[in-house]
Amino acid sequence: MPRYRYQQAPGERIHAATFRGTPEEFAAELARDWRAGGRTPDVRVWTGPITEPPAATAR
């Protein structure tokens, strides 16, 4: 399973997790979870170093 680094909104801590799907699917799932919790997501997902642009984003 791929391991991704993600940030759910600017200023939030960067976490790491494994997810069976693509970076785009992972970002969409995180955004859906945050909206369900009443928060406004601005998800960024990296497959490599966080110094590079994100592999996927979702709002």
C-alpha atoms as a PDB file:
ATOM      1  CA  MET A   1       0.000   0.000   0.000  1.00  0.00           C
ATOM      2  CA  PRO A   2       1.345   3.463  -0.844  1.00  0.00           C
ATOM      3  CA  ARG A   3       2.373   5.755   1.976  1.00  0.00           C
ATOM      4  CA  TYR A   4       1.360   9.404   1.675  1.00  0.00           C
ATOM      5  CA  ARG A   5       2.100  12.578   3.597  1.00  0.00           C
ATOM      6  CA  TYR A   6      -0.838  14.937   3.948  1.00  0.00           C
ATOM      7  CA  GLN A   7      -1.957  18.235   5.403  1.00  0.00           C
ATOM      8  CA  GLN A   8      -5.689  18.819   5.816  1.00  0.00           C
ATOM      9  CA  ALA A   9      -5.482  22.626   5.853  1.00  0.00           C
ATOM     10  CA  PRO A  10      -2.730  25.276   5.851  1.00  0.00           C
ATOM     11  CA  GLY A  11      -1.160  25.579   9.271  1.00  0.00           C
ATOM     12  CA  GLU A  12      -2.206  22.056  10.267  1.00  0.00           C
ATOM     13  CA  ARG A  13       0.375  19.446  11.119  1.00  0.00           C
ATOM     14  CA  ILE A  14       1.662  17.179   8.335  1.00  0.00           C
ATOM     15  CA  HIS A  15       0.821  13.520   8.900  1.00  0.00           C
ATOM     16  CA  ALA A  16       1.680  10.269   7.145  1.00  0.00           C
ATOM     17  CA  ALA A  17      -0.649   7.407   6.340  1.00  0.00           C
ATOM     18  CA  THR A  18      -1.033   4.434   4.053  1.00  0.00           C
ATOM     19  CA  PHE A  19      -3.962   4.323   1.635  1.00  0.00           C
ATOM     20  CA  ARG A  20      -4.755   1.744  -1.007  1.00  0.00           C
ATOM     21  CA  GLY A  21      -5.938   4.256  -3.639  1.00  0.00           C
ATOM     22  CA  THR A  22      -4.386   7.064  -5.662  1.00  0.00           C
ATOM     23  CA  PRO A  23      -3.258  10.389  -4.185  1.00  0.00           C
ATOM     24  CA  GLU A  24      -6.366  12.009  -5.710  1.00  0.00           C
ATOM     25  CA  GLU A  25      -8.678   9.462  -4.054  1.00  0.00           C
ATOM     26  CA  PHE A  26      -6.913   9.926  -0.723  1.00  0.00           C
ATOM     27  CA  ALA A  27      -7.202  13.734  -0.907  1.00  0.00           C
ATOM     28  CA  ALA A  28     -10.911  13.495  -1.768  1.00  0.00           C
ATOM     29  CA  GLU A  29     -11.543  11.110   1.138  1.00  0.00           C
ATOM     30  CA  LEU A  30      -9.751  13.388   3.609  1.00  0.00           C
ATOM     31  CA  ALA A  31     -11.693  16.421   2.365  1.00  0.00           C
ATOM     32  CA  ARG A  32     -14.996  14.520   2.689  1.00  0.00           C
ATOM     33  CA  ASP A  33     -14.150  13.537   6.272  1.00  0.00           C
ATOM     34  CA  TRP A  34     -13.279  17.107   7.242  1.00  0.00           C
ATOM     35  CA  ARG A  35     -16.470  18.526   5.685  1.00  0.00           C
ATOM     36  CA  ALA A  36     -18.504  15.915   7.562  1.00  0.00           C
ATOM     37  CA  GLY A  37     -16.873  17.153  10.761  1.00  0.00           C
ATOM     38  CA  GLY A  38     -17.898  20.748  10.009  1.00  0.00           C
ATOM     39  CA  ARG A  39     -14.426  21.934   9.008  1.00  0.00           C
ATOM     40  CA  THR A  40     -13.321  23.528   5.740  1.00  0.00           C
ATOM     41  CA  PRO A  41     -10.673  21.339   4.090  1.00  0.00           C
ATOM     42  CA  ASP A  42      -7.809  22.449   1.881  1.00  0.00           C
ATOM     43  CA  VAL A  43      -6.074  19.083   1.580  1.00  0.00           C
ATOM     44  CA  ARG A  44      -2.615  18.567   0.118  1.00  0.00           C
ATOM     45  CA  VAL A  45      -1.141  15.089  -0.421  1.00  0.00           C
ATOM     46  CA  TRP A  46       2.496  14.315  -1.215  1.00  0.00           C
ATOM     47  CA  THR A  47       3.972  11.088  -2.518  1.00  0.00           C
ATOM     48  CA  GLY A  48       7.546  12.313  -2.156  1.00  0.00           C
ATOM     49  CA  PRO A  49       9.306  15.062  -0.229  1.00  0.00           C
ATOM     50  CA  ILE A  50       7.077  17.882   0.982  1.00  0.00           C
ATOM     51  CA  THR A  51       9.477  20.345  -0.614  1.00  0.00           C
ATOM     52  CA  GLU A  52       7.948  19.370  -3.978  1.00  0.00           C
ATOM     53  CA  PRO A  53       4.452  20.372  -5.158  1.00  0.00           C
ATOM     54  CA  PRO A  54       1.640  18.160  -3.844  1.00  0.00           C
ATOM     55  CA  ALA A  55       0.657  15.129  -5.907  1.00  0.00           C
ATOM     56  CA  ALA A  56      -3.034  15.907  -5.244  1.00  0.00           C
ATOM     57  CA  THR A  57      -5.242  18.554  -3.657  1.00  0.00           C
ATOM     58  CA  ALA A  58      -8.911  18.680  -2.661  1.00  0.00           C
ATOM     59  CA  ARG A  59     -11.321  21.187  -1.143  1.00  0.00           C
END
